[in-house]
Amino acid sequence: MVALQKKLLKGTLRKNIEVSCVDHGIQLIKQRLQSKRVLIVLDDVDHVGQIYSLAGGRHWFGPGSRIIITTRDQHLLNFSTGDVKHEVKCMTKSESLQLFCRHAFQNHYPPEDFVELSESFVTYAEGLPLALVVWGSMLYKRSMVEWRSALEELKQIPHDSILEKLIISYNGLPDHTIKEAFLDIVCFFEGWDKEDASKVLSSCGFFAEIVFNVLIDKCLVTINESNRLSVQNLIRDMGREIVLRVCKDPAERSRLWLPEDIRDVLTGHKVTIHSTLTPEIYFPKIRKQGLLKIPKH
């Protein structure tokens, strides 16, 4: 924070200012900038202390100043003194196609024989600019065979540069419990009714309402108009990739969701339950809620 305070002071005053500690930096910002009209952008804020230490109040700066805060956690904005909150929407299909084609073809529209493939990539990206730019650049001057191969591959494994960006949101979750619940949701509960998913998560020892509130604030999960859990394709793939990276052997993974992996593990008699609850406790609790039926045989 001291380094950021120094950067803020240098950028506005055009000279180096020594800052001994965070509290000292706060006082310097108030004293030196209260008579200046400034434009400050705090990008990718993930802790309320960052707001308080750099732009704690409008009285810190002169009349006409503007402070812009961007964050993945909308809950943080409740602690700011801002006048306007704006949720950045995903790009429309038309905007997405133009951005994708700008990188894939150096044009605003795809050639006629690439229209269907281009629309497939755009649909899968769900308006995420990062995905459109990375995929478009990757496919520039590639053959149609390579395009089809890339589309099939991307449905299975997210492109590394996208994954590493998205995983920041997962790493920023407040504790291990919420991270585990998030992985359960992306592996098993996408499309479930929120109440049904809450019952299962609660049966497994999670505080479901807290989990949902945090994940919704972090924009990792949404609840649609039908009260069902919705996860963007790339966010879902990111969560599943985290599980896969821990262990390549399906029999040793914490979660299984692919039918072929489940079949191979069960037929190979290699079942491992990675849970704080034993199967004798876990399955009856879920079955009692009417969410799981197990044949007697």
C-alpha atoms as a PDB file:
ATOM      1  CA  MET A   1       0.000   0.000   0.000  1.00  0.00           C
ATOM      2  CA  VAL A   2       2.878   2.387   0.728  1.00  0.00           C
ATOM      3  CA  ALA A   3       4.207   1.824  -2.801  1.00  0.00           C
ATOM      4  CA  LEU A   4       0.764   2.609  -4.262  1.00  0.00           C
ATOM      5  CA  GLN A   5       0.462   5.741  -2.144  1.00  0.00           C
ATOM      6  CA  LYS A   6       3.859   6.895  -3.408  1.00  0.00           C
ATOM      7  CA  LYS A   7       2.754   6.196  -6.984  1.00  0.00           C
ATOM      8  CA  LEU A   8      -0.456   8.184  -6.508  1.00  0.00           C
ATOM      9  CA  LEU A   9       1.392  11.174  -5.035  1.00  0.00           C
ATOM     10  CA  LYS A  10       4.085  11.119  -7.707  1.00  0.00           C
ATOM     11  CA  GLY A  11       1.515  10.834 -10.512  1.00  0.00           C
ATOM     12  CA  THR A  12      -0.464  13.838  -9.301  1.00  0.00           C
ATOM     13  CA  LEU A  13       2.310  16.087  -7.911  1.00  0.00           C
ATOM     14  CA  ARG A  14       4.987  15.140 -10.482  1.00  0.00           C
ATOM     15  CA  LYS A  15       7.644  14.564  -7.838  1.00  0.00           C
ATOM     16  CA  ASN A  16       8.792  11.838  -5.464  1.00  0.00           C
ATOM     17  CA  ILE A  17       7.275  11.973  -1.976  1.00  0.00           C
ATOM     18  CA  GLU A  18       8.655   9.881   0.866  1.00  0.00           C
ATOM     19  CA  VAL A  19       6.018   7.813   2.688  1.00  0.00           C
ATOM     20  CA  SER A  20       7.018   6.065   5.928  1.00  0.00           C
ATOM     21  CA  CYS A  21       3.855   4.013   6.528  1.00  0.00           C
ATOM     22  CA  VAL A  22       0.234   3.687   5.372  1.00  0.00           C
ATOM     23  CA  ASP A  23      -1.121   6.175   7.940  1.00  0.00           C
ATOM     24  CA  HIS A  24       1.553   8.683   6.931  1.00  0.00           C
ATOM     25  CA  GLY A  25       0.569   8.179   3.291  1.00  0.00           C
ATOM     26  CA  ILE A  26      -3.097   8.858   4.086  1.00  0.00           C
ATOM     27  CA  GLN A  27      -2.193  12.144   5.752  1.00  0.00           C
ATOM     28  CA  LEU A  28       0.025  13.186   2.843  1.00  0.00           C
ATOM     29  CA  ILE A  29      -2.690  12.429   0.276  1.00  0.00           C
ATOM     30  CA  LYS A  30      -5.210  14.501   2.263  1.00  0.00           C
ATOM     31  CA  GLN A  31      -2.804  17.413   2.728  1.00  0.00           C
ATOM     32  CA  ARG A  32      -1.281  17.563  -0.751  1.00  0.00           C
ATOM     33  CA  LEU A  33      -4.346  16.763  -2.896  1.00  0.00           C
ATOM     34  CA  GLN A  34      -7.249  18.417  -1.092  1.00  0.00           C
ATOM     35  CA  SER A  35      -6.960  21.537  -3.245  1.00  0.00           C
ATOM     36  CA  LYS A  36      -6.391  19.712  -6.543  1.00  0.00           C
ATOM     37  CA  ARG A  37      -8.935  18.428  -9.041  1.00  0.00           C
ATOM     38  CA  VAL A  38      -7.839  14.874  -9.783  1.00  0.00           C
ATOM     39  CA  LEU A  39      -8.917  11.817 -11.768  1.00  0.00           C
ATOM     40  CA  ILE A  40      -7.923   8.600  -9.955  1.00  0.00           C
ATOM     41  CA  VAL A  41      -8.644   5.055 -11.151  1.00  0.00           C
ATOM     42  CA  LEU A  42      -8.324   2.222  -8.624  1.00  0.00           C
ATOM     43  CA  ASP A  43      -8.339  -0.847 -10.828  1.00  0.00           C
ATOM     44  CA  ASP A  44      -9.094  -4.416  -9.673  1.00  0.00           C
ATOM     45  CA  VAL A  45      -9.643  -3.572  -5.987  1.00  0.00           C
ATOM     46  CA  ASP A  46     -10.004  -6.715  -3.841  1.00  0.00           C
ATOM     47  CA  HIS A  47      -9.833  -5.330  -0.274  1.00  0.00           C
ATOM     48  CA  VAL A  48     -11.628  -2.456   1.402  1.00  0.00           C
ATOM     49  CA  GLY A  49      -8.331  -1.282   2.941  1.00  0.00           C
ATOM     50  CA  GLN A  50      -7.103  -0.357  -0.533  1.00  0.00           C
ATOM     51  CA  ILE A  51      -9.974   2.109  -0.919  1.00  0.00           C
ATOM     52  CA  TYR A  52      -9.487   3.616   2.536  1.00  0.00           C
ATOM     53  CA  SER A  53      -5.728   4.001   2.048  1.00  0.00           C
ATOM     54  CA  LEU A  54      -5.879   5.655  -1.379  1.00  0.00           C
ATOM     55  CA  ALA A  55      -9.222   7.466  -1.674  1.00  0.00           C
ATOM     56  CA  GLY A  56     -11.019   7.242   1.649  1.00  0.00           C
ATOM     57  CA  GLY A  57     -13.340  10.212   1.154  1.00  0.00           C
ATOM     58  CA  ARG A  58     -14.328  12.933  -1.297  1.00  0.00           C
ATOM     59  CA  HIS A  59     -13.032  15.597   1.124  1.00  0.00           C
ATOM     60  CA  TRP A  60      -9.493  14.298   0.448  1.00  0.00           C
ATOM     61  CA  PHE A  61      -9.548  15.932  -3.009  1.00  0.00           C
ATOM     62  CA  GLY A  62     -10.542  19.234  -4.586  1.00  0.00           C
ATOM     63  CA  PRO A  63     -13.936  20.073  -6.110  1.00  0.00           C
ATOM     64  CA  GLY A  64     -14.611  18.383  -9.438  1.00  0.00           C
ATOM     65  CA  SER A  65     -12.407  15.369  -8.683  1.00  0.00           C
ATOM     66  CA  ARG A  66     -13.454  11.942  -9.955  1.00  0.00           C
ATOM     67  CA  ILE A  67     -12.594   8.554  -8.419  1.00  0.00           C
ATOM     68  CA  ILE A  68     -13.274   5.405 -10.463  1.00  0.00           C
ATOM     69  CA  ILE A  69     -13.107   2.007  -8.717  1.00  0.00           C
ATOM     70  CA  THR A  70     -13.237  -1.320 -10.564  1.00  0.00           C
ATOM     71  CA  THR A  71     -13.660  -4.596  -8.686  1.00  0.00           C
ATOM     72  CA  ARG A  72     -14.836  -8.177  -9.080  1.00  0.00           C
ATOM     73  CA  ASP A  73     -16.459  -7.946  -5.636  1.00  0.00           C
ATOM     74  CA  GLN A  74     -19.449  -5.599  -5.700  1.00  0.00           C
ATOM     75  CA  HIS A  75     -19.760  -5.914  -1.908  1.00  0.00           C
ATOM     76  CA  LEU A  76     -16.648  -3.724  -1.564  1.00  0.00           C
ATOM     77  CA  LEU A  77     -18.468  -0.832  -3.194  1.00  0.00           C
ATOM     78  CA  ASN A  78     -20.813  -0.663  -0.206  1.00  0.00           C
ATOM     79  CA  PHE A  79     -17.867   0.683   1.820  1.00  0.00           C
ATOM     80  CA  SER A  80     -17.071   3.483  -0.614  1.00  0.00           C
ATOM     81  CA  THR A  81     -18.607   6.950  -0.708  1.00  0.00           C
ATOM     82  CA  GLY A  82     -19.343   6.771  -4.431  1.00  0.00           C
ATOM     83  CA  ASP A  83     -22.342   8.394  -6.065  1.00  0.00           C
ATOM     84  CA  VAL A  84     -22.883   5.928  -8.918  1.00  0.00           C
ATOM     85  CA  LYS A  85     -22.492   2.145  -9.244  1.00  0.00           C
ATOM     86  CA  HIS A  86     -22.318   0.651 -12.712  1.00  0.00           C
ATOM     87  CA  GLU A  87     -22.311  -3.048 -13.550  1.00  0.00           C
ATOM     88  CA  VAL A  88     -20.297  -3.736 -16.686  1.00  0.00           C
ATOM     89  CA  LYS A  89     -22.407  -5.892 -18.966  1.00  0.00           C
ATOM     90  CA  CYS A  90     -21.151  -8.628 -21.252  1.00  0.00           C
ATOM     91  CA  MET A  91     -20.747  -7.680 -24.891  1.00  0.00           C
ATOM     92  CA  THR A  92     -23.674  -8.293 -27.229  1.00  0.00           C
ATOM     93  CA  LYS A  93     -23.396 -11.017 -29.862  1.00  0.00           C
ATOM     94  CA  SER A  94     -22.843  -8.408 -32.570  1.00  0.00           C
ATOM     95  CA  GLU A  95     -20.116  -6.631 -30.578  1.00  0.00           C
ATOM     96  CA  SER A  96     -18.502  -9.951 -29.684  1.00  0.00           C
ATOM     97  CA  LEU A  97     -18.413 -11.053 -33.318  1.00  0.00           C
ATOM     98  CA  GLN A  98     -16.784  -7.794 -34.383  1.00  0.00           C
ATOM     99  CA  LEU A  99     -14.115  -8.025 -31.687  1.00  0.00           C
ATOM    100  CA  PHE A 100     -13.402 -11.668 -32.489  1.00  0.00           C
ATOM    101  CA  CYS A 101     -13.174 -11.013 -36.235  1.00  0.00           C
ATOM    102  CA  ARG A 102     -10.898  -8.024 -35.720  1.00  0.00           C
ATOM    103  CA  HIS A 103      -8.283 -10.412 -34.338  1.00  0.00           C
ATOM    104  CA  ALA A 104      -9.102 -13.526 -36.377  1.00  0.00           C
ATOM    105  CA  PHE A 105      -9.448 -11.865 -39.799  1.00  0.00           C
ATOM    106  CA  GLN A 106      -8.271  -8.256 -39.350  1.00  0.00           C
ATOM    107  CA  ASN A 107     -11.812  -7.310 -40.330  1.00  0.00           C
ATOM    108  CA  HIS A 108     -15.157  -6.615 -38.676  1.00  0.00           C
ATOM    109  CA  TYR A 109     -16.929  -9.603 -40.247  1.00  0.00           C
ATOM    110  CA  PRO A 110     -15.931 -13.210 -41.041  1.00  0.00           C
ATOM    111  CA  PRO A 111     -15.584 -14.625 -44.570  1.00  0.00           C
ATOM    112  CA  GLU A 112     -18.694 -16.493 -45.667  1.00  0.00           C
ATOM    113  CA  ASP A 113     -17.229 -19.972 -45.153  1.00  0.00           C
ATOM    114  CA  PHE A 114     -16.134 -19.085 -41.575  1.00  0.00           C
ATOM    115  CA  VAL A 115     -19.390 -17.536 -40.393  1.00  0.00           C
ATOM    116  CA  GLU A 116     -20.722 -20.631 -38.602  1.00  0.00           C
ATOM    117  CA  LEU A 117     -17.426 -21.397 -36.888  1.00  0.00           C
ATOM    118  CA  SER A 118     -16.945 -17.794 -35.830  1.00  0.00           C
ATOM    119  CA  GLU A 119     -20.414 -17.710 -34.301  1.00  0.00           C
ATOM    120  CA  SER A 120     -19.619 -20.922 -32.394  1.00  0.00           C
ATOM    121  CA  PHE A 121     -16.571 -19.329 -30.768  1.00  0.00           C
ATOM    122  CA  VAL A 122     -18.557 -16.174 -29.985  1.00  0.00           C
ATOM    123  CA  THR A 123     -21.376 -18.198 -28.399  1.00  0.00           C
ATOM    124  CA  TYR A 124     -18.973 -20.202 -26.254  1.00  0.00           C
ATOM    125  CA  ALA A 125     -17.166 -17.061 -25.040  1.00  0.00           C
ATOM    126  CA  GLU A 126     -20.473 -15.627 -23.742  1.00  0.00           C
ATOM    127  CA  GLY A 127     -19.400 -12.030 -24.285  1.00  0.00           C
ATOM    128  CA  LEU A 128     -16.061 -12.267 -22.453  1.00  0.00           C
ATOM    129  CA  PRO A 129     -13.667  -9.894 -24.312  1.00  0.00           C
ATOM    130  CA  LEU A 130     -10.535 -11.656 -23.070  1.00  0.00           C
ATOM    131  CA  ALA A 131     -11.642 -14.959 -24.591  1.00  0.00           C
ATOM    132  CA  LEU A 132     -12.588 -13.346 -27.900  1.00  0.00           C
ATOM    133  CA  VAL A 133      -9.232 -11.578 -28.232  1.00  0.00           C
ATOM    134  CA  VAL A 134      -7.152 -14.632 -27.279  1.00  0.00           C
ATOM    135  CA  TRP A 135      -9.060 -17.061 -29.471  1.00  0.00           C
ATOM    136  CA  GLY A 136      -9.212 -14.687 -32.428  1.00  0.00           C
ATOM    137  CA  SER A 137      -5.468 -14.064 -32.281  1.00  0.00           C
ATOM    138  CA  MET A 138      -4.825 -17.789 -31.945  1.00  0.00           C
ATOM    139  CA  LEU A 139      -6.832 -18.589 -35.095  1.00  0.00           C
ATOM    140  CA  TYR A 140      -5.487 -15.819 -37.321  1.00  0.00           C
ATOM    141  CA  LYS A 141      -4.520 -17.273 -40.749  1.00  0.00           C
ATOM    142  CA  ARG A 142      -5.359 -20.815 -39.588  1.00  0.00           C
ATOM    143  CA  SER A 143      -7.133 -23.360 -41.810  1.00  0.00           C
ATOM    144  CA  MET A 144     -10.745 -24.440 -41.289  1.00  0.00           C
ATOM    145  CA  VAL A 145      -9.531 -27.844 -40.085  1.00  0.00           C
ATOM    146  CA  GLU A 146      -7.457 -26.103 -37.402  1.00  0.00           C
ATOM    147  CA  TRP A 147     -10.462 -23.978 -36.440  1.00  0.00           C
ATOM    148  CA  ARG A 148     -12.662 -27.025 -35.925  1.00  0.00           C
ATOM    149  CA  SER A 149      -9.953 -28.776 -33.940  1.00  0.00           C
ATOM    150  CA  ALA A 150      -9.417 -25.722 -31.748  1.00  0.00           C
ATOM    151  CA  LEU A 151     -13.147 -25.417 -31.042  1.00  0.00           C
ATOM    152  CA  GLU A 152     -13.354 -29.025 -29.872  1.00  0.00           C
ATOM    153  CA  GLU A 153     -10.246 -28.617 -27.744  1.00  0.00           C
ATOM    154  CA  LEU A 154     -11.506 -25.431 -26.126  1.00  0.00           C
ATOM    155  CA  LYS A 155     -14.704 -27.170 -25.083  1.00  0.00           C
ATOM    156  CA  GLN A 156     -12.566 -29.577 -23.063  1.00  0.00           C
ATOM    157  CA  ILE A 157      -9.619 -27.478 -21.842  1.00  0.00           C
ATOM    158  CA  PRO A 158      -9.611 -23.680 -21.447  1.00  0.00           C
ATOM    159  CA  HIS A 159      -6.863 -21.756 -23.216  1.00  0.00           C
ATOM    160  CA  ASP A 160      -4.053 -21.198 -20.695  1.00  0.00           C
ATOM    161  CA  SER A 161      -3.926 -17.416 -20.981  1.00  0.00           C
ATOM    162  CA  ILE A 162      -7.654 -17.189 -20.293  1.00  0.00           C
ATOM    163  CA  LEU A 163      -7.505 -19.690 -17.446  1.00  0.00           C
ATOM    164  CA  GLU A 164      -4.712 -17.867 -15.657  1.00  0.00           C
ATOM    165  CA  LYS A 165      -6.706 -14.634 -15.794  1.00  0.00           C
ATOM    166  CA  LEU A 166      -9.931 -16.232 -14.583  1.00  0.00           C
ATOM    167  CA  ILE A 167      -8.243 -18.156 -11.774  1.00  0.00           C
ATOM    168  CA  ILE A 168      -7.477 -14.837 -10.069  1.00  0.00           C
ATOM    169  CA  SER A 169     -11.105 -14.668  -8.991  1.00  0.00           C
ATOM    170  CA  TYR A 170     -10.927 -18.163  -7.487  1.00  0.00           C
ATOM    171  CA  ASN A 171      -7.698 -17.415  -5.615  1.00  0.00           C
ATOM    172  CA  GLY A 172      -9.341 -14.308  -4.212  1.00  0.00           C
ATOM    173  CA  LEU A 173     -12.140 -16.221  -2.470  1.00  0.00           C
ATOM    174  CA  PRO A 174     -11.982 -15.563   1.285  1.00  0.00           C
ATOM    175  CA  ASP A 175     -11.439 -19.081   2.624  1.00  0.00           C
ATOM    176  CA  HIS A 176     -10.951 -22.749   1.823  1.00  0.00           C
ATOM    177  CA  THR A 177     -14.574 -23.667   2.566  1.00  0.00           C
ATOM    178  CA  ILE A 178     -16.002 -21.296  -0.036  1.00  0.00           C
ATOM    179  CA  LYS A 179     -13.414 -22.462  -2.582  1.00  0.00           C
ATOM    180  CA  GLU A 180     -14.506 -26.077  -1.998  1.00  0.00           C
ATOM    181  CA  ALA A 181     -18.182 -25.139  -2.341  1.00  0.00           C
ATOM    182  CA  PHE A 182     -17.425 -23.276  -5.585  1.00  0.00           C
ATOM    183  CA  LEU A 183     -15.737 -26.359  -7.027  1.00  0.00           C
ATOM    184  CA  ASP A 184     -18.747 -28.477  -6.028  1.00  0.00           C
ATOM    185  CA  ILE A 185     -21.083 -26.054  -7.793  1.00  0.00           C
ATOM    186  CA  VAL A 186     -19.147 -25.966 -11.074  1.00  0.00           C
ATOM    187  CA  CYS A 187     -18.691 -29.742 -11.095  1.00  0.00           C
ATOM    188  CA  PHE A 188     -22.194 -30.834 -10.025  1.00  0.00           C
ATOM    189  CA  PHE A 189     -24.807 -28.161  -9.395  1.00  0.00           C
ATOM    190  CA  GLU A 190     -24.863 -25.928 -12.474  1.00  0.00           C
ATOM    191  CA  GLY A 191     -28.472 -25.613 -13.598  1.00  0.00           C
ATOM    192  CA  TRP A 192     -29.841 -26.856 -10.260  1.00  0.00           C
ATOM    193  CA  ASP A 193     -32.596 -25.057  -8.401  1.00  0.00           C
ATOM    194  CA  LYS A 194     -30.911 -22.877  -5.779  1.00  0.00           C
ATOM    195  CA  GLU A 195     -32.961 -24.372  -2.922  1.00  0.00           C
ATOM    196  CA  ASP A 196     -32.079 -27.944  -3.882  1.00  0.00           C
ATOM    197  CA  ALA A 197     -28.396 -27.076  -4.166  1.00  0.00           C
ATOM    198  CA  SER A 198     -28.593 -25.313  -0.781  1.00  0.00           C
ATOM    199  CA  LYS A 199     -29.945 -28.471   0.866  1.00  0.00           C
ATOM    200  CA  VAL A 200     -27.107 -30.598  -0.463  1.00  0.00           C
ATOM    201  CA  LEU A 201     -24.405 -28.067   0.425  1.00  0.00           C
ATOM    202  CA  SER A 202     -25.872 -27.643   3.919  1.00  0.00           C
ATOM    203  CA  SER A 203     -25.938 -31.416   4.364  1.00  0.00           C
ATOM    204  CA  CYS A 204     -22.227 -31.437   3.569  1.00  0.00           C
ATOM    205  CA  GLY A 205     -21.406 -28.888   6.257  1.00  0.00           C
ATOM    206  CA  PHE A 206     -21.393 -25.674   4.200  1.00  0.00           C
ATOM    207  CA  PHE A 207     -23.276 -22.498   5.095  1.00  0.00           C
ATOM    208  CA  ALA A 208     -25.058 -22.302   1.750  1.00  0.00           C
ATOM    209  CA  GLU A 209     -26.429 -18.768   1.951  1.00  0.00           C
ATOM    210  CA  ILE A 210     -23.023 -17.344   2.825  1.00  0.00           C
ATOM    211  CA  VAL A 211     -21.463 -19.356  -0.003  1.00  0.00           C
ATOM    212  CA  PHE A 212     -23.962 -18.074  -2.565  1.00  0.00           C
ATOM    213  CA  ASN A 213     -23.716 -14.482  -1.370  1.00  0.00           C
ATOM    214  CA  VAL A 214     -19.917 -14.494  -1.687  1.00  0.00           C
ATOM    215  CA  LEU A 215     -19.874 -16.230  -5.081  1.00  0.00           C
ATOM    216  CA  ILE A 216     -22.555 -13.915  -6.475  1.00  0.00           C
ATOM    217  CA  ASP A 217     -20.659 -10.861  -5.190  1.00  0.00           C
ATOM    218  CA  LYS A 218     -17.509 -12.195  -6.849  1.00  0.00           C
ATOM    219  CA  CYS A 219     -19.449 -12.676 -10.127  1.00  0.00           C
ATOM    220  CA  LEU A 220     -18.514 -16.366 -10.219  1.00  0.00           C
ATOM    221  CA  VAL A 221     -22.104 -17.625  -9.953  1.00  0.00           C
ATOM    222  CA  THR A 222     -25.450 -16.057 -10.858  1.00  0.00           C
ATOM    223  CA  ILE A 223     -29.052 -16.974 -10.074  1.00  0.00           C
ATOM    224  CA  ASN A 224     -31.263 -16.750 -13.160  1.00  0.00           C
ATOM    225  CA  GLU A 225     -34.911 -15.761 -13.367  1.00  0.00           C
ATOM    226  CA  SER A 226     -35.942 -19.387 -12.691  1.00  0.00           C
ATOM    227  CA  ASN A 227     -33.950 -19.424  -9.411  1.00  0.00           C
ATOM    228  CA  ARG A 228     -31.407 -21.807 -10.914  1.00  0.00           C
ATOM    229  CA  LEU A 229     -27.636 -21.660 -10.574  1.00  0.00           C
ATOM    230  CA  SER A 230     -25.883 -20.341 -13.647  1.00  0.00           C
ATOM    231  CA  VAL A 231     -22.130 -20.379 -14.287  1.00  0.00           C
ATOM    232  CA  GLN A 232     -20.452 -18.897 -17.343  1.00  0.00           C
ATOM    233  CA  ASN A 233     -18.858 -21.578 -19.535  1.00  0.00           C
ATOM    234  CA  LEU A 234     -15.313 -20.322 -19.016  1.00  0.00           C
ATOM    235  CA  ILE A 235     -15.771 -19.953 -15.252  1.00  0.00           C
ATOM    236  CA  ARG A 236     -17.120 -23.515 -15.095  1.00  0.00           C
ATOM    237  CA  ASP A 237     -14.184 -24.822 -17.143  1.00  0.00           C
ATOM    238  CA  MET A 238     -11.746 -22.922 -14.931  1.00  0.00           C
ATOM    239  CA  GLY A 239     -13.138 -24.580 -11.783  1.00  0.00           C
ATOM    240  CA  ARG A 240     -13.043 -28.038 -13.306  1.00  0.00           C
ATOM    241  CA  GLU A 241      -9.502 -27.498 -14.545  1.00  0.00           C
ATOM    242  CA  ILE A 242      -8.453 -26.685 -10.960  1.00  0.00           C
ATOM    243  CA  VAL A 243      -9.748 -30.101  -9.887  1.00  0.00           C
ATOM    244  CA  LEU A 244      -7.987 -31.839 -12.775  1.00  0.00           C
ATOM    245  CA  ARG A 245      -4.662 -30.156 -12.023  1.00  0.00           C
ATOM    246  CA  VAL A 246      -4.583 -31.528  -8.482  1.00  0.00           C
ATOM    247  CA  CYS A 247      -4.574 -35.129  -9.663  1.00  0.00           C
ATOM    248  CA  LYS A 248      -4.540 -36.681 -13.145  1.00  0.00           C
ATOM    249  CA  ASP A 249      -5.724 -40.073 -11.879  1.00  0.00           C
ATOM    250  CA  PRO A 250      -9.567 -40.068 -11.806  1.00  0.00           C
ATOM    251  CA  ALA A 251      -9.578 -42.548  -8.916  1.00  0.00           C
ATOM    252  CA  GLU A 252      -7.695 -40.053  -6.727  1.00  0.00           C
ATOM    253  CA  ARG A 253      -9.584 -36.885  -7.676  1.00  0.00           C
ATOM    254  CA  SER A 254     -11.799 -35.053  -5.221  1.00  0.00           C
ATOM    255  CA  ARG A 255     -14.639 -34.859  -7.751  1.00  0.00           C
ATOM    256  CA  LEU A 256     -15.827 -36.771 -10.822  1.00  0.00           C
ATOM    257  CA  TRP A 257     -18.307 -35.382 -13.360  1.00  0.00           C
ATOM    258  CA  LEU A 258     -17.453 -37.016 -16.690  1.00  0.00           C
ATOM    259  CA  PRO A 259     -19.505 -40.231 -17.230  1.00  0.00           C
ATOM    260  CA  GLU A 260     -16.525 -42.103 -18.677  1.00  0.00           C
ATOM    261  CA  ASP A 261     -14.348 -41.290 -15.643  1.00  0.00           C
ATOM    262  CA  ILE A 262     -17.091 -42.372 -13.243  1.00  0.00           C
ATOM    263  CA  ARG A 263     -17.561 -45.628 -15.134  1.00  0.00           C
ATOM    264  CA  ASP A 264     -13.836 -46.398 -15.210  1.00  0.00           C
ATOM    265  CA  VAL A 265     -13.424 -45.725 -11.493  1.00  0.00           C
ATOM    266  CA  LEU A 266     -16.452 -47.785 -10.437  1.00  0.00           C
ATOM    267  CA  THR A 267     -15.739 -50.723 -12.736  1.00  0.00           C
ATOM    268  CA  GLY A 268     -12.118 -50.662 -11.641  1.00  0.00           C
ATOM    269  CA  HIS A 269     -13.209 -50.729  -7.972  1.00  0.00           C
ATOM    270  CA  LYS A 270     -11.149 -47.615  -7.281  1.00  0.00           C
ATOM    271  CA  VAL A 271     -13.503 -45.464  -5.239  1.00  0.00           C
ATOM    272  CA  THR A 272     -12.061 -42.746  -3.012  1.00  0.00           C
ATOM    273  CA  ILE A 273     -14.319 -40.399  -1.031  1.00  0.00           C
ATOM    274  CA  HIS A 274     -12.540 -37.095  -0.370  1.00  0.00           C
ATOM    275  CA  SER A 275     -14.887 -35.623   2.213  1.00  0.00           C
ATOM    276  CA  THR A 276     -15.034 -34.699   5.861  1.00  0.00           C
ATOM    277  CA  LEU A 277     -18.185 -36.843   5.980  1.00  0.00           C
ATOM    278  CA  THR A 278     -18.057 -40.616   5.561  1.00  0.00           C
ATOM    279  CA  PRO A 279     -20.225 -42.184   2.817  1.00  0.00           C
ATOM    280  CA  GLU A 280     -22.457 -43.654   5.539  1.00  0.00           C
ATOM    281  CA  ILE A 281     -23.302 -40.085   6.656  1.00  0.00           C
ATOM    282  CA  TYR A 282     -23.045 -38.283   3.344  1.00  0.00           C
ATOM    283  CA  PHE A 283     -25.357 -40.352   1.137  1.00  0.00           C
ATOM    284  CA  PRO A 284     -28.261 -40.814   3.610  1.00  0.00           C
ATOM    285  CA  LYS A 285     -28.306 -37.044   4.263  1.00  0.00           C
ATOM    286  CA  ILE A 286     -28.677 -36.290   0.546  1.00  0.00           C
ATOM    287  CA  ARG A 287     -31.131 -39.141  -0.030  1.00  0.00           C
ATOM    288  CA  LYS A 288     -33.261 -37.908   2.872  1.00  0.00           C
ATOM    289  CA  GLN A 289     -33.714 -34.596   1.045  1.00  0.00           C
ATOM    290  CA  GLY A 290     -35.115 -36.493  -1.937  1.00  0.00           C
ATOM    291  CA  LEU A 291     -32.194 -35.430  -4.120  1.00  0.00           C
ATOM    292  CA  LEU A 292     -30.516 -38.795  -4.590  1.00  0.00           C
ATOM    293  CA  LYS A 293     -31.926 -42.260  -5.181  1.00  0.00           C
ATOM    294  CA  ILE A 294     -29.706 -45.304  -4.676  1.00  0.00           C
ATOM    295  CA  PRO A 295     -31.019 -48.771  -5.781  1.00  0.00           C
ATOM    296  CA  LYS A 296     -30.953 -51.347  -2.982  1.00  0.00           C
ATOM    297  CA  HIS A 297     -28.800 -53.735  -4.988  1.00  0.00           C
END
